[in-house]
Each structure stands twice: as C-alpha cells, then as structure tokens.
C-alpha cells in the first residue's frame, strides 16, 4: 500500500463522515503501520481530523467499545469508580478472530441467526479487514437498568456473559457445520495446521469449533478498542466494510479493496431490543453456577495439591513450575518500572498460570505479589476483579498467542529461547521446558538410583567379606584354644614322670 492510495482513500468525504459518526462519544485513536497506537485518549470531532491523522502516520483507526460522557477526560491513573462514572454506556461487540475466513463466515452467520432467535434483527455486522467479522449490538438495545443497577456500570461483566452464552448457544451447530465443510475431525485439524488432540472437544467425541474461531469479546476489558468502520487493516490493506447479514456466507474480501469500496452506510444502528437475549444469558449464568460449572475463588473451596483453589478445567493435569516459564513470563514477573500495558501483562500472566495448572489461590497470590512489585501498581480492586473473572470460567483460558497484536512484541517482552522455537503460544514453550526438566530430573534420579544400588551391593559384599573374616578368625581362635587345651594334660603327665 503506497501513501498516495491511503491518503486518496481517507480524503473521501463520505468515509470521513462515516468514521466521525461512529466515533461520536468514543475514544478514537489512530494506529501506525507497525502496530503502535497514537497517544490516548483522542477523538474524531471533524471529518478533516481523519485525513490530518492519516498524513501524520495513522494507517488505521480504532474506536472504543465504551461510550463516554467526555472521552478526553480519560486517564490511566483513574480509579475504576471514576472510570465508571465517566462511562455513558457500551456496545456489545462480538469480535470473531480466526485465520480461516470461511470458518469465520460460518460463525458470523450462526451468531446472527442466534441473535435473531432472541429477537434481535438487522444487527450491524462488518468485515474486520482480514479474516474475521465484527457484530455489534448497540447500547440503545439494552434496558437502562439490569438487575436494579444502571447498565452503564455493568461493563465488562454483561458483554462477557452475553458472549459466553452465545458461544455455548451455537457450539453444537457450529461444530456440525465445520465438520460438513472439512469432512472429518482430521480434516478440520489439518485445515488449522494443528494436531488432532488440540481441536477435539473436552469429551473428545467431536471437534471444538472455537479452536478455529475465537470470540474475543469474552476477553473484553475496559477501554477496549475495535477497528472503526471504513478503516484500513494495516496487515491486509483491506477496508473494514459494513455488510448485510444475509451476505456474510457469500462475502468476498476482494470487494473491500480501497478502490472497490462503494457508497458508505451508517454503522451502529439497530431497531430491535436485546431484552430477550439478556434474560436468557442471566438464566444461563444462574444455571451454570448452580451446576457448579463456574468456579469462584474462596477460602475452603476445591484445593489443588499445592494448596490453591482448584484450577478451571483445561488440558493440563500437572503443574508447570516457575523455573520452566518462558522468557516473556519471566520478564513480566521481573520488570517493575512499567506503565504501558500493565493490564495486558496481568491478563497474560493470569491466563498463563491458569493454563499451566496453577490453583486460583496461587494465581491470586502471584498476581498480588507481581502488582506490589510495580513502581506504579494497579488498583487492587482491578486485580481482584480479574481473579474473579478467571475463577468463574468453566475452562482454563489460553494466554494470547505469541504473534497476537498488542501483546508480547509490542510490550518488548518477546525474547525467544531454544524452547520457543516454532511455538505459537507461550504455554507450549513452558510445556517443552517442563518436560525437559522432568526428563533431566528423571535421568538424574535414575543415575542416583543406580549409584545407590551399586553402593548397597558393595556394602552387602563388604559385609559378607567382613562376616567371612570374622568366621575365619573365630574358627582359628577356637582351634588354637582347643589345641592348647589338648597340650596342657600331656605336659602335666610328662612332668610327673
């Protein structure tokens, strides 16, 4: 992509108007070609701002999922309560992340049908610009209060809950559709370039469709950004174009080249109500809690062998010790003078520890220890909120992949060692390292055991030799004594004569 094409595209008045319209009440931040964001907070107030930022190096634009009374009052030093007071609302964004566009199409189609089944029709959807889709239920669709609390204060809890509910709602159908597309379990694994065991469901009877398509909304956090409609994607140089739900399955990304983008349309309006979806999700939450599926961090709960609360269900049945951690996790734990990315570091650390088989109490203790070591620590209430979130998950979440945008490389902590070669996720490196330690220890233990057996055999032989010497000594002494006793009478007789 050359600069002229980029600037020509962002010079379009309809593109500028569409982006400014979507950005109203949001943080709106430019992002440069290498992935770093411009200074936050920022806003788009006038159409001319789009071209001005593009000329200064911005290649894509990202808006906050949250709506603010005044975005420019935001600060990283604000307490959670202060952030909540500034928040005017939030949109429920379903962010589908996958490397397989065809699988993303199936997921987006099923999610739109699921929303329709709950009374939500004409929901806004757009191409992410690469191989995923963004589906957005605007804040205006939700009631002003949820469970007696203002809806604006229930972020990110409610969006996370809705995403988790919808994921379970489409899971079985999604798996069936992907199997139809790929033919077999092995074919599905091959399409992802993963081992079969990594794409099977927890009961191993079918595939886990979310091994291919992640719903990133489950990981959503305060001040989360999403690519704005009609923004470039700096990796594909395609445009994030809105489309109609009925066109998702037949969507062709070639239509999103900048010279193919037609007249813009407004993105972010939906005339339906989300009350049915919200009610179903809240029932789902209570059902899961009642079934014991969602674990809660609390003293006296399930315990792991190391003394922490039992970890969420995952594939790991043993605990990876800290000595086997990859360099990125070691740097997170050792670096103290950090301001940028503290929340991302906490999320990566907690997800890694949970997947590494650590108990929830251990994760809570390690998180508190890490936070206390920082020169500019996070609010303890935020750290506890993240612990509570992880504790409620039915399955252990994976930490972000090594190549994921906005994480290891951008934070300067991706420094691979020999165990990192060819891996996609830090937990794989840790598993390799842990196995190496295990095999090394086992080899050392076996060698020590052999030495001990040799020592015992030698000791046994020496004991036998010593016993033999004692027996010979005893027999010799007895024979001499007997001989002396026999000589004594003979000497007496000779003296008499």
Protein backbone atom coordinates (compact mmCIF):
# COMPACT_ATOMS: atom_id res chain seq x y z
CA UNK A 1 0.00 0.00 0.00
CA UNK A 2 1.52 3.31 -1.05
CA UNK A 3 0.94 6.56 0.77
CA UNK A 4 -0.94 8.16 -2.13
CA UNK A 5 -3.56 5.39 -2.24
CA UNK A 6 -4.01 5.61 1.53
CA UNK A 7 -4.41 9.37 1.54
CA UNK A 8 -6.68 9.34 -1.50
CA UNK A 9 -8.96 6.89 0.29
CA UNK A 10 -9.05 8.84 3.57
CA UNK A 11 -9.69 12.02 1.55
CA UNK A 12 -13.16 10.72 0.66
CA UNK A 13 -15.70 12.89 2.48
CA UNK A 14 -18.20 10.05 2.86
CA UNK A 15 -15.53 7.88 4.52
CA UNK A 16 -14.61 10.71 6.87
CA UNK A 17 -18.25 11.35 7.76
CA UNK A 18 -18.91 7.66 8.44
CA UNK A 19 -15.93 7.39 10.77
CA UNK A 20 -16.71 10.61 12.63
CA UNK A 21 -20.34 9.50 13.05
CA UNK A 22 -19.30 6.16 14.52
CA UNK A 23 -16.70 7.84 16.74
CA UNK A 24 -19.18 10.16 18.46
CA UNK A 25 -18.82 9.69 22.23
CA UNK A 26 -15.94 7.25 21.84
CA UNK A 27 -12.21 7.27 22.11
CA UNK A 28 -10.97 7.33 18.51
CA UNK A 29 -7.30 6.51 18.10
CA UNK A 30 -5.03 6.25 15.09
CA UNK A 31 -2.69 3.30 14.71
CA UNK A 32 0.58 3.28 12.79
CA UNK A 33 1.84 0.72 10.33
CA UNK A 34 4.00 -1.07 12.91
CA UNK A 35 1.04 -1.52 15.24
CA UNK A 36 1.62 1.20 17.84
CA UNK A 37 -1.30 3.46 18.74
CA UNK A 38 -1.20 7.23 18.79
CA UNK A 39 -1.40 8.90 22.16
CA UNK A 40 -4.59 8.18 24.12
CA UNK A 41 -7.15 9.47 24.72
CA UNK A 42 -8.08 11.05 21.41
CA UNK A 43 -11.27 11.75 19.46
CA UNK A 44 -12.50 12.41 15.94
CA UNK A 45 -14.55 15.61 16.05
CA UNK A 46 -14.40 16.78 12.44
CA UNK A 47 -14.13 14.99 9.08
CA UNK A 48 -10.83 16.76 8.45
CA UNK A 49 -9.34 15.02 11.51
CA UNK A 50 -9.27 11.72 9.62
CA UNK A 51 -7.06 13.00 6.81
CA UNK A 52 -4.92 15.04 9.20
CA UNK A 53 -4.11 11.95 11.28
CA UNK A 54 -3.51 9.87 8.16
CA UNK A 55 -1.00 12.43 6.92
CA UNK A 56 0.78 12.25 10.30
CA UNK A 57 1.25 8.47 10.04
CA UNK A 58 -2.02 6.80 11.08
CA UNK A 59 -2.97 3.96 8.73
CA UNK A 60 -5.98 2.63 10.66
CA UNK A 61 -8.48 4.00 13.17
CA UNK A 62 -9.88 2.31 16.27
CA UNK A 63 -12.83 3.32 18.43
CA UNK A 64 -13.70 2.34 21.98
CA UNK A 65 -16.46 -0.18 22.67
CA UNK A 66 -17.48 2.03 25.58
CA UNK A 67 -19.31 5.32 25.19
CA UNK A 68 -18.10 8.23 27.30
CA UNK A 69 -19.51 11.49 28.62
CA UNK A 70 -16.20 13.08 27.67
CA UNK A 71 -13.55 10.72 26.25
CA UNK A 72 -10.78 13.30 26.69
CA UNK A 73 -11.17 13.13 30.48
CA UNK A 74 -9.96 9.52 30.49
CA UNK A 75 -6.66 8.73 32.17
CA UNK A 76 -4.71 5.59 33.07
CA UNK A 77 -4.46 6.94 36.64
CA UNK A 78 -8.23 6.93 37.14
CA UNK A 79 -9.75 4.56 39.66
CA UNK A 80 -12.36 2.06 38.41
CA UNK A 81 -15.11 4.02 40.13
CA UNK A 82 -14.04 7.20 38.37
CA UNK A 83 -13.97 5.41 35.01
CA UNK A 84 -17.46 4.01 35.67
CA UNK A 85 -18.80 7.48 36.47
CA UNK A 86 -17.41 8.79 33.19
CA UNK A 87 -18.89 5.92 31.15
CA UNK A 88 -22.17 6.75 29.41
CA UNK A 89 -22.77 3.25 28.01
CA UNK A 90 -21.25 0.44 25.98
CA UNK A 91 -21.93 -1.58 22.86
CA UNK A 92 -21.91 -5.36 22.90
CA UNK A 93 -19.31 -6.19 20.28
CA UNK A 94 -18.79 -9.77 19.09
CA UNK A 95 -15.24 -9.88 17.75
CA UNK A 96 -14.55 -13.03 15.72
CA UNK A 97 -10.85 -13.79 15.41
CA UNK A 98 -9.61 -16.53 13.11
CA UNK A 99 -7.02 -17.24 10.47
CA UNK A 100 -9.67 -19.05 8.40
CA UNK A 101 -12.14 -16.69 6.72
CA UNK A 102 -14.50 -19.49 5.69
CA UNK A 103 -14.82 -20.66 9.28
CA UNK A 104 -15.41 -17.05 10.37
CA UNK A 105 -18.24 -16.77 7.86
CA UNK A 106 -19.97 -19.79 9.37
CA UNK A 107 -19.55 -18.42 12.90
CA UNK A 108 -20.86 -14.97 11.96
CA UNK A 109 -23.87 -16.44 10.16
CA UNK A 110 -24.77 -18.67 13.13
CA UNK A 111 -24.36 -15.82 15.60
CA UNK A 112 -26.61 -13.53 13.57
CA UNK A 113 -29.22 -16.31 13.46
CA UNK A 114 -28.85 -16.81 17.22
CA UNK A 115 -29.39 -13.09 17.81
CA UNK A 116 -32.45 -13.20 15.56
CA UNK A 117 -33.81 -16.12 17.57
CA UNK A 118 -33.61 -13.87 20.64
CA UNK A 119 -35.48 -11.04 18.93
CA UNK A 120 -32.53 -9.06 17.54
CA UNK A 121 -32.79 -8.43 13.81
CA UNK A 122 -30.85 -6.18 11.45
CA UNK A 123 -27.86 -6.27 13.78
CA UNK A 124 -24.85 -4.34 12.42
CA UNK A 125 -22.05 -6.54 11.07
CA UNK A 126 -18.82 -5.66 9.27
CA UNK A 127 -15.72 -7.32 7.89
CA UNK A 128 -12.75 -6.92 10.26
CA UNK A 129 -10.41 -6.21 7.34
CA UNK A 130 -8.56 -9.51 7.47
CA UNK A 131 -10.25 -12.84 8.25
CA UNK A 132 -12.90 -12.11 10.84
CA UNK A 133 -16.10 -10.17 11.45
CA UNK A 134 -17.44 -7.69 13.99
CA UNK A 135 -21.08 -7.98 15.09
CA UNK A 136 -22.37 -5.14 17.25
CA UNK A 137 -25.48 -4.87 19.42
CA UNK A 138 -25.72 -1.14 20.25
CA UNK A 139 -26.19 0.08 23.81
CA UNK A 140 -29.54 1.54 22.82
CA UNK A 141 -30.90 -2.03 22.52
CA UNK A 142 -30.40 -2.72 26.24
CA UNK A 143 -32.59 -1.61 29.15
CA UNK A 144 -31.37 1.32 31.24
CA UNK A 145 -31.15 -0.89 34.33
CA UNK A 146 -30.17 -4.54 34.68
CA UNK A 147 -30.93 -6.24 37.98
CA UNK A 148 -31.56 -2.88 39.64
CA UNK A 149 -28.17 -1.46 38.64
CA UNK A 150 -27.52 1.11 35.89
CA UNK A 151 -26.50 -0.78 32.76
CA UNK A 152 -23.57 1.60 32.20
CA UNK A 153 -21.92 0.25 35.37
CA UNK A 154 -22.10 -3.39 34.26
CA UNK A 155 -19.22 -3.30 31.81
CA UNK A 156 -17.46 -5.60 31.06
CA UNK A 157 -19.48 -8.18 33.05
CA UNK A 158 -22.61 -8.18 30.86
CA UNK A 159 -20.80 -8.20 27.47
CA UNK A 160 -18.60 -11.08 28.66
CA UNK A 161 -21.64 -13.00 29.88
CA UNK A 162 -23.52 -12.45 26.61
CA UNK A 163 -20.51 -13.64 24.59
CA UNK A 164 -20.11 -16.76 26.74
CA UNK A 165 -23.82 -17.55 26.44
CA UNK A 166 -23.87 -17.15 22.66
CA UNK A 167 -20.75 -19.26 22.33
CA UNK A 168 -22.48 -22.16 24.10
CA UNK A 169 -25.71 -21.47 22.20
CA UNK A 170 -24.10 -22.08 18.80
CA UNK A 171 -21.37 -24.55 19.82
CA UNK A 172 -23.03 -27.80 18.67
CA UNK A 173 -24.38 -26.37 15.42
CA UNK A 174 -21.07 -24.67 14.71
CA UNK A 175 -19.18 -27.94 15.15
CA UNK A 176 -21.59 -29.72 12.78
CA UNK A 177 -21.24 -27.04 10.11
CA UNK A 178 -17.44 -27.08 10.23
CA UNK A 179 -17.41 -30.89 10.00
CA UNK A 180 -19.62 -30.65 6.92
CA UNK A 181 -17.14 -28.20 5.44
CA UNK A 182 -13.93 -30.11 6.34
CA UNK A 183 -15.29 -33.68 6.16
CA UNK A 184 -13.63 -35.29 9.19
CA UNK A 185 -12.06 -34.47 12.53
CA UNK A 186 -8.65 -34.92 10.96
CA UNK A 187 -9.60 -32.71 8.03
CA UNK A 188 -10.62 -29.98 10.46
CA UNK A 189 -7.30 -30.29 12.29
CA UNK A 190 -5.37 -30.18 9.01
CA UNK A 191 -7.22 -27.05 7.90
CA UNK A 192 -5.92 -25.33 11.04
CA UNK A 193 -2.45 -26.88 10.92
CA UNK A 194 -2.92 -28.27 14.44
CA UNK A 195 -2.63 -31.76 15.97
CA UNK A 196 -5.93 -33.61 16.21
CA UNK A 197 -5.80 -33.68 20.01
CA UNK A 198 -5.73 -29.87 20.09
CA UNK A 199 -9.02 -29.44 18.21
CA UNK A 200 -11.22 -32.02 19.92
CA UNK A 201 -14.00 -31.16 22.37
CA UNK A 202 -13.44 -31.88 26.04
CA UNK A 203 -15.34 -35.19 25.77
CA UNK A 204 -13.22 -35.98 22.65
CA UNK A 205 -16.33 -37.05 20.72
CA UNK A 206 -16.37 -34.18 18.27
CA UNK A 207 -14.39 -31.07 17.38
CA UNK A 208 -14.15 -27.87 19.35
CA UNK A 209 -15.20 -25.31 16.71
CA UNK A 210 -13.68 -22.50 18.75
CA UNK A 211 -10.26 -23.99 18.16
CA UNK A 212 -10.62 -22.19 14.82
CA UNK A 213 -12.69 -19.10 15.62
CA UNK A 214 -12.26 -17.23 18.88
CA UNK A 215 -14.90 -14.91 20.26
CA UNK A 216 -12.52 -12.27 21.58
CA UNK A 217 -15.41 -10.42 23.27
CA UNK A 218 -15.10 -12.90 26.15
CA UNK A 219 -11.74 -11.26 26.92
CA UNK A 220 -13.03 -7.72 26.58
CA UNK A 221 -11.71 -5.22 29.11
CA UNK A 222 -12.18 -1.53 29.97
CA UNK A 223 -11.10 0.93 27.25
CA UNK A 224 -11.09 -1.87 24.69
CA UNK A 225 -10.71 -0.65 21.10
CA UNK A 226 -12.17 -2.04 17.89
CA UNK A 227 -11.35 -1.20 14.29
CA UNK A 228 -13.69 1.51 13.11
CA UNK A 229 -15.93 1.01 10.07
CA UNK A 230 -14.23 2.06 6.82
CA UNK A 231 -10.79 1.95 8.42
CA UNK A 232 -7.92 0.12 6.74
CA UNK A 233 -6.49 -3.05 8.24
CA UNK A 234 -2.73 -2.44 8.25
CA UNK A 235 -1.96 -6.14 7.72
CA UNK A 236 -4.18 -6.89 4.75
CA UNK A 237 -4.66 -3.34 3.42
CA UNK A 238 -8.34 -4.15 3.02
CA UNK A 239 -11.10 -1.94 4.43
CA UNK A 240 -13.38 -2.83 7.34
CA UNK A 241 -16.63 -2.53 5.38
CA UNK A 242 -20.16 -2.99 6.82
CA UNK A 243 -22.32 -5.60 5.10
CA UNK A 244 -25.74 -7.16 5.39
CA UNK A 245 -26.19 -10.27 7.48
CA UNK A 246 -27.64 -12.24 4.58
CA UNK A 247 -24.46 -11.61 2.58
CA UNK A 248 -21.99 -13.00 5.14
CA UNK A 249 -21.71 -16.52 3.71
CA UNK A 250 -21.13 -15.25 0.16
CA UNK A 251 -18.82 -12.42 1.21
CA UNK A 252 -15.73 -11.85 -0.95
CA UNK A 253 -12.89 -9.90 0.74
CA UNK A 254 -11.75 -8.63 -2.66
CA UNK A 255 -14.75 -6.29 -2.52
CA UNK A 256 -13.04 -4.49 0.37
CA UNK A 257 -10.05 -3.23 -1.61
CA UNK A 258 -9.98 0.58 -1.29
CA UNK A 259 -10.80 1.13 -4.95
CA UNK A 260 -13.82 -1.21 -4.66
CA UNK A 261 -15.44 0.42 -1.63
CA UNK A 262 -18.71 1.96 -2.77
CA UNK A 263 -21.01 4.46 -1.09
CA UNK A 264 -20.73 4.33 2.70
CA UNK A 265 -23.58 3.37 5.00
CA UNK A 266 -24.15 4.17 8.66
CA UNK A 267 -22.87 1.53 11.07
CA UNK A 268 -24.11 1.04 14.63
CA UNK A 269 -27.89 1.31 14.48
CA UNK A 270 -30.30 -1.48 15.42
CA UNK A 271 -34.07 -1.06 15.95
CA UNK A 272 -34.51 -4.26 18.00
CA UNK A 273 -34.47 -4.94 21.75
CA UNK A 274 -31.84 -7.08 23.48
CA UNK A 275 -34.08 -7.84 26.48
CA UNK A 276 -34.71 -11.44 25.36
CA UNK A 277 -31.01 -12.10 24.86
CA UNK A 278 -30.14 -10.53 28.21
CA UNK A 279 -32.76 -12.54 30.09
CA UNK A 280 -31.58 -15.81 28.53
CA UNK A 281 -27.95 -15.04 29.37
CA UNK A 282 -28.75 -14.27 33.01
CA UNK A 283 -30.65 -17.56 33.31
CA UNK A 284 -27.67 -19.32 31.72
CA UNK A 285 -25.36 -17.75 34.32
CA UNK A 286 -27.50 -18.95 37.24
CA UNK A 287 -27.82 -22.41 35.73
CA UNK A 288 -24.08 -22.74 35.28
CA UNK A 289 -23.42 -21.55 38.82
CA UNK A 290 -26.00 -23.97 40.18
CA UNK A 291 -24.40 -26.84 38.27
CA UNK A 292 -21.01 -25.97 39.74
CA UNK A 293 -19.59 -25.21 36.31
CA UNK A 294 -18.30 -21.77 37.27
CA UNK A 295 -15.69 -21.83 39.99
CA UNK A 296 -15.42 -18.95 42.41
CA UNK A 297 -12.26 -18.07 44.31
CA UNK A 298 -12.98 -18.53 48.01
CA UNK A 299 -11.15 -19.99 51.02
CA UNK A 300 -12.26 -23.54 51.65
CA UNK A 301 -13.14 -24.22 48.03
CA UNK A 302 -11.69 -27.04 45.94
CA UNK A 303 -7.96 -27.30 46.54
CA UNK A 304 -5.10 -28.22 44.32
CA UNK A 305 -2.20 -30.33 45.60
CA UNK A 306 -0.19 -27.11 46.00
CA UNK A 307 -2.83 -25.59 48.26
CA UNK A 308 -4.52 -23.21 45.83
CA UNK A 309 -8.14 -23.30 44.70
CA UNK A 310 -8.67 -25.99 42.07
CA UNK A 311 -7.91 -24.67 38.56
CA UNK A 312 -10.55 -24.40 35.85
CA UNK A 313 -10.89 -27.35 33.55
CA UNK A 314 -8.17 -27.46 30.94
CA UNK A 315 -5.90 -29.97 29.32
CA UNK A 316 -3.09 -29.73 31.88
CA UNK A 317 -3.16 -32.30 34.66
CA UNK A 318 0.19 -31.30 36.17
CA UNK A 319 1.57 -28.01 37.39
CA UNK A 320 4.32 -26.22 35.48
CA UNK A 321 6.83 -24.80 37.93
CA UNK A 322 8.19 -21.27 37.63
CA UNK A 323 11.64 -22.48 36.58
CA UNK A 324 10.09 -23.68 33.29
CA UNK A 325 8.39 -20.36 32.45
CA UNK A 326 9.24 -18.88 29.02
CA UNK A 327 11.23 -15.61 28.83
CA UNK A 328 8.12 -13.47 28.27
CA UNK A 329 6.55 -14.58 31.56
CA UNK A 330 9.87 -14.21 33.35
CA UNK A 331 10.10 -10.61 32.10
CA UNK A 332 6.53 -9.85 33.18
CA UNK A 333 7.38 -11.05 36.68
CA UNK A 334 10.78 -9.33 36.87
CA UNK A 335 10.13 -5.93 35.27
CA UNK A 336 8.91 -3.39 37.82
CA UNK A 337 9.30 0.01 36.17
CA UNK A 338 6.43 -0.32 33.68
CA UNK A 339 3.47 1.89 32.87
CA UNK A 340 2.46 0.72 29.42
CA UNK A 341 0.41 -2.46 29.22
CA UNK A 342 0.10 -3.28 32.93
CA UNK A 343 -3.40 -4.68 32.46
CA UNK A 344 -2.35 -6.68 29.43
CA UNK A 345 0.59 -8.06 31.39
CA UNK A 346 -1.74 -9.08 34.22
CA UNK A 347 -4.12 -10.82 31.83
CA UNK A 348 -1.28 -12.68 30.08
CA UNK A 349 0.20 -13.76 33.41
CA UNK A 350 -3.09 -14.95 34.88
CA UNK A 351 -4.15 -16.81 31.72
CA UNK A 352 -0.73 -18.44 31.50
CA UNK A 353 -0.73 -19.51 35.15
CA UNK A 354 -4.23 -20.94 34.91
CA UNK A 355 -3.35 -22.90 31.79
CA UNK A 356 -0.13 -24.02 33.47
CA UNK A 357 -2.15 -25.82 36.14
CA UNK A 358 -1.76 -23.33 38.99
CA UNK A 359 -4.57 -23.15 41.55
CA UNK A 360 -6.65 -19.98 41.72
CA UNK A 361 -5.33 -19.05 45.16
CA UNK A 362 -1.79 -19.43 43.85
CA UNK A 363 -2.68 -17.20 40.89
CA UNK A 364 -4.20 -14.63 43.25
CA UNK A 365 -1.09 -14.65 45.43
CA UNK A 366 1.27 -14.40 42.47
CA UNK A 367 -0.83 -11.58 40.93
CA UNK A 368 -0.78 -9.62 44.18
CA UNK A 369 2.97 -10.19 44.53
CA UNK A 370 3.56 -9.00 40.96
CA UNK A 371 1.37 -5.93 41.39
CA UNK A 372 3.06 -4.99 44.66
CA UNK A 373 6.46 -5.15 42.93
CA UNK A 374 5.47 -2.47 40.38
CA UNK A 375 6.57 1.10 40.94
CA UNK A 376 3.14 2.16 39.68
CA UNK A 377 0.83 -0.69 40.74
CA UNK A 378 -2.71 -1.24 39.53
CA UNK A 379 -5.64 -0.69 41.84
CA UNK A 380 -6.01 -3.83 43.96
CA UNK A 381 -9.73 -3.91 43.17
CA UNK A 382 -8.90 -4.33 39.47
CA UNK A 383 -6.50 -7.21 40.19
CA UNK A 384 -9.17 -8.90 42.32
CA UNK A 385 -11.80 -8.38 39.60
CA UNK A 386 -9.56 -10.16 37.08
CA UNK A 387 -9.03 -13.03 39.53
CA UNK A 388 -12.79 -13.32 39.96
CA UNK A 389 -13.26 -13.41 36.20
CA UNK A 390 -10.75 -16.21 35.70
CA UNK A 391 -12.14 -18.13 38.65
CA UNK A 392 -15.60 -18.18 37.09
CA UNK A 393 -14.51 -19.71 33.80
CA UNK A 394 -15.54 -23.32 33.21
CA UNK A 395 -12.41 -23.86 31.12
CA UNK A 396 -8.90 -22.50 31.52
CA UNK A 397 -8.38 -19.69 29.01
CA UNK A 398 -5.34 -19.75 26.77
CA UNK A 399 -2.90 -16.84 27.02
CA UNK A 400 -2.62 -14.77 23.81
CA UNK A 401 -0.59 -16.36 21.03
CA UNK A 402 2.98 -15.19 20.57
CA UNK A 403 2.11 -13.32 17.35
CA UNK A 404 -1.06 -11.69 18.71
CA UNK A 405 -1.21 -7.96 18.11
CA UNK A 406 -0.77 -5.69 21.09
CA UNK A 407 0.90 -8.16 23.42
CA UNK A 408 4.42 -9.64 23.67
CA UNK A 409 6.19 -7.90 20.79
CA UNK A 410 4.58 -4.52 21.34
CA UNK A 411 5.45 -4.68 25.06
CA UNK A 412 9.05 -5.66 24.31
CA UNK A 413 8.96 -8.95 26.21
CA UNK A 414 9.18 -11.40 23.29
CA UNK A 415 12.74 -12.69 23.65
CA UNK A 416 12.62 -16.33 22.47
CA UNK A 417 14.91 -19.02 23.82
CA UNK A 418 15.56 -22.52 22.44
CA UNK A 419 12.27 -23.83 23.83
CA UNK A 420 10.31 -21.11 21.97
CA UNK A 421 11.42 -22.20 18.51
CA UNK A 422 8.41 -22.93 16.30
CA UNK A 423 5.75 -22.49 19.02
CA UNK A 424 2.64 -20.37 18.68
CA UNK A 425 1.83 -19.91 22.37
CA UNK A 426 3.96 -19.43 25.50
CA UNK A 427 2.29 -22.38 27.21
CA UNK A 428 3.77 -24.70 24.57
CA UNK A 429 7.25 -23.39 25.30
CA UNK A 430 6.66 -23.90 29.03
CA UNK A 431 5.45 -27.44 28.40
CA UNK A 432 8.61 -28.22 26.44
CA UNK A 433 10.78 -26.71 29.13
CA UNK A 434 8.91 -28.55 31.86
CA UNK A 435 9.26 -31.84 30.01
CA UNK A 436 12.99 -31.18 29.60
CA UNK A 437 13.29 -30.60 33.34
CA UNK A 438 11.24 -33.70 34.02
CA UNK A 439 13.38 -35.88 31.76
CA UNK A 440 16.59 -34.36 33.15
CA UNK A 441 15.47 -34.97 36.69
CA UNK A 442 14.34 -38.47 35.85
CA UNK A 443 17.73 -39.21 34.24
CA UNK A 444 19.50 -37.83 37.30
CA UNK A 445 17.19 -39.78 39.59
CA UNK A 446 17.81 -42.97 37.64
CA UNK A 447 21.58 -42.38 37.78
CA UNK A 448 21.37 -41.71 41.51
CA UNK A 449 19.28 -44.85 41.94
CA UNK A 450 21.88 -46.89 40.05
CA UNK A 451 24.64 -45.47 42.23
CA UNK A 452 22.64 -46.28 45.34
CA UNK A 453 22.06 -49.83 44.14
CA UNK A 454 25.80 -50.19 43.43
CA UNK A 455 26.61 -48.77 46.87
CA UNK A 456 24.21 -51.20 48.53
CA UNK A 457 25.61 -54.14 46.58
CA UNK A 458 29.17 -53.13 47.50
CA UNK A 459 28.14 -52.63 51.10
CA UNK A 460 26.49 -56.05 51.08
CA UNK A 461 29.60 -57.64 49.62
CA UNK A 462 31.81 -55.87 52.17
CA UNK A 463 29.51 -57.07 54.95
CA UNK A 464 29.78 -60.61 53.60
CA UNK A 465 33.55 -60.33 53.44
CA UNK A 466 33.69 -58.96 56.96
CA UNK A 467 31.46 -61.76 58.21
CA UNK A 468 33.66 -64.27 56.45
CA UNK A 469 36.77 -62.76 58.06
CA UNK A 470 35.12 -62.88 61.46
CA UNK A 471 34.13 -66.52 60.96
CA UNK A 472 37.68 -67.44 59.95
CA UNK A 473 39.11 -65.54 62.88
CA UNK A 474 36.66 -67.21 65.23
CA UNK A 475 37.41 -70.69 63.86
CA UNK A 476 41.18 -70.07 64.07
CA UNK A 477 40.90 -68.90 67.66
CA UNK A 478 38.73 -71.86 68.60
CA UNK A 479 41.12 -74.34 67.00
CA UNK A 480 44.10 -72.77 68.77
CA UNK A 481 42.27 -72.85 72.07
CA UNK A 482 41.37 -76.50 71.55
CA UNK A 483 44.96 -77.30 70.66
CA UNK A 484 46.22 -75.55 73.77
CA UNK A 485 43.73 -77.43 75.92
CA UNK A 486 44.97 -80.74 74.43
CA UNK A 487 48.63 -79.90 75.08
CA UNK A 488 48.12 -79.00 78.74
CA UNK A 489 47.34 -82.59 80.05
CA UNK A 490 50.23 -84.02 78.06
CA UNK A 491 52.70 -81.58 79.64
CA UNK A 492 51.39 -82.45 83.10
CA UNK A 493 51.95 -86.19 82.61
CA UNK A 494 55.42 -85.64 81.32
CA UNK A 495 56.32 -83.59 84.41
CA UNK A 496 55.14 -86.32 86.77
CA UNK A 497 57.23 -88.93 85.12
